[in-house]
Protein backbone atom coordinates (compact mmCIF):
# COMPACT_ATOMS: atom_id res chain seq x y z
CA MET A 1 36.95 6.55 72.90
CA ARG A 2 38.19 3.14 74.25
CA MET A 3 41.16 1.46 73.21
CA SER A 4 42.20 -2.10 73.72
CA ARG A 5 45.32 -4.18 72.66
CA ALA A 6 43.20 -5.60 69.95
CA THR A 7 42.33 -2.28 68.50
CA LEU A 8 46.49 -1.83 68.11
CA ARG A 9 47.02 -5.21 66.11
CA VAL A 10 46.57 -6.62 63.15
CA PRO A 11 47.29 -10.42 63.62
CA ASP A 12 50.38 -10.12 65.53
CA ARG A 13 51.64 -7.14 63.48
CA PRO A 14 51.72 -3.51 65.07
CA LEU A 15 50.15 -1.41 61.82
CA PHE A 16 50.74 2.48 63.08
CA GLY A 17 48.34 1.95 65.94
CA LEU A 18 46.81 4.79 67.67
CA GLY A 19 47.19 6.85 64.09
CA LEU A 20 45.87 4.56 62.15
CA PHE A 21 42.86 3.93 64.59
CA LEU A 22 42.60 7.67 64.88
CA GLY A 23 42.08 8.07 60.88
CA ALA A 24 39.46 5.60 61.43
CA VAL A 25 37.66 7.26 63.85
CA ALA A 26 37.57 10.49 61.51
CA VAL A 27 36.52 8.52 58.39
CA ARG A 28 33.35 7.19 60.70
CA HIS A 29 32.77 10.81 61.85
CA GLY A 30 32.60 11.54 58.11
CA PHE A 31 30.60 8.82 57.53
CA ASP A 32 28.20 9.54 60.21
CA ALA A 33 28.27 13.20 59.15
CA GLY A 34 27.03 12.33 55.43
CA CYS A 35 30.75 12.53 53.47
CA LYS A 36 31.12 10.59 51.01
CA ARG A 37 34.57 11.10 50.09
CA ALA A 38 37.68 11.04 52.05
CA GLU A 39 40.55 13.65 51.04
CA LEU A 40 44.28 13.53 52.59
CA LEU A 41 47.98 14.86 51.53
CA ALA A 42 50.58 12.52 51.41
CA ILE A 43 52.83 15.16 52.38
CA ASN A 44 56.12 15.54 50.62
CA ASP A 45 58.87 16.01 53.47
CA THR A 46 61.34 13.60 51.52
CA ASP A 47 60.90 11.80 48.81
CA LEU A 48 61.73 8.54 51.01
CA TYR A 49 59.02 9.34 53.56
CA HIS A 50 56.80 10.55 50.97
CA SER A 51 56.79 7.58 48.26
CA LYS A 52 56.44 5.35 51.95
CA LEU A 53 53.00 7.34 52.44
CA VAL A 54 51.64 7.62 48.94
CA ARG A 55 52.20 3.47 49.39
CA PHE A 56 50.54 3.41 52.77
CA TYR A 57 47.54 5.40 51.53
CA THR A 58 47.15 3.45 48.55
CA ARG A 59 47.19 0.13 50.22
CA MET A 60 44.54 1.44 52.52
CA GLY A 61 42.32 2.26 49.89
CA PHE A 62 43.21 6.06 48.60
CA LYS A 63 43.60 6.79 45.09
CA THR A 64 46.15 9.71 43.89
CA VAL A 65 44.07 12.61 42.38
CA HIS A 66 46.76 15.18 41.79
CA GLU A 67 50.78 16.23 42.52
CA VAL A 68 50.83 19.16 44.34
CA ASP A 69 54.15 20.19 43.56
CA GLY A 70 53.76 24.34 43.61
CA THR A 71 54.70 24.79 39.49
CA SER A 72 50.67 25.94 38.99
CA MET A 73 48.36 28.56 39.93
CA THR A 74 46.10 25.67 41.17
CA ASP A 75 48.49 24.15 43.00
CA LEU A 76 48.43 27.27 45.23
CA ALA A 77 45.03 26.76 46.70
CA HIS A 78 46.27 23.30 47.37
CA MET A 79 49.23 24.53 49.59
CA LEU A 80 46.95 27.09 51.15
CA VAL A 81 44.40 24.00 52.48
CA TRP A 82 46.89 21.35 53.12
CA GLY A 83 49.94 23.52 54.49
CA GLY A 84 52.50 21.89 51.74
CA ARG A 85 53.38 20.17 48.73
CA GLY A 86 52.72 16.08 48.33
CA THR A 87 50.35 13.99 46.55
CA ARG A 88 46.40 14.57 47.12
CA MET A 89 44.46 11.47 47.57
CA ASP A 90 40.44 10.65 47.85
CA ALA A 91 38.94 7.66 48.80
CA ASP A 92 35.30 6.75 48.72
CA ILE A 93 34.42 6.47 52.70
CA GLU A 94 31.91 3.66 52.66
CA GLN A 95 34.53 1.57 50.41
CA LEU A 96 37.30 2.18 53.18
CA LEU A 97 34.91 1.18 56.31
CA ILE A 98 33.83 -1.92 54.14
CA LYS A 99 37.47 -2.92 53.97
CA TRP A 100 38.68 -1.98 57.28
CA SER A 101 35.91 -2.58 59.20
CA LYS A 102 37.34 -6.07 60.01
CA ARG A 103 40.37 -4.56 61.63
CA PHE A 104 38.32 -2.72 64.23
CA ARG A 105 35.22 -5.03 65.58
CA SER A 106 35.23 -5.77 68.99
CA GLN A 107 36.45 -9.54 69.80
CA ASP A 108 33.99 -9.66 72.73
């Protein structure tokens, strides 16, 4: 994997840099493996940070699927898989790649 300054910047503003790039690589890997959907849990450690995570992932293209708060038996499976409480979110991998591909193209 090769990274450059251009990879880590969105027009004159850093955008989570390495984390965003690694997320894009993971989405591309899923696409190459034939996956149709990306899934994640916006972990709820604190209310403030959780709301920021949900807003960030929503802007990225994810949609809320389920609030995992530990109050139901169905939450048990989510908590075992994801390791905690939070907001389960999904996105269509192809749509993510279309939406964000311009940010990761080589400038060469």
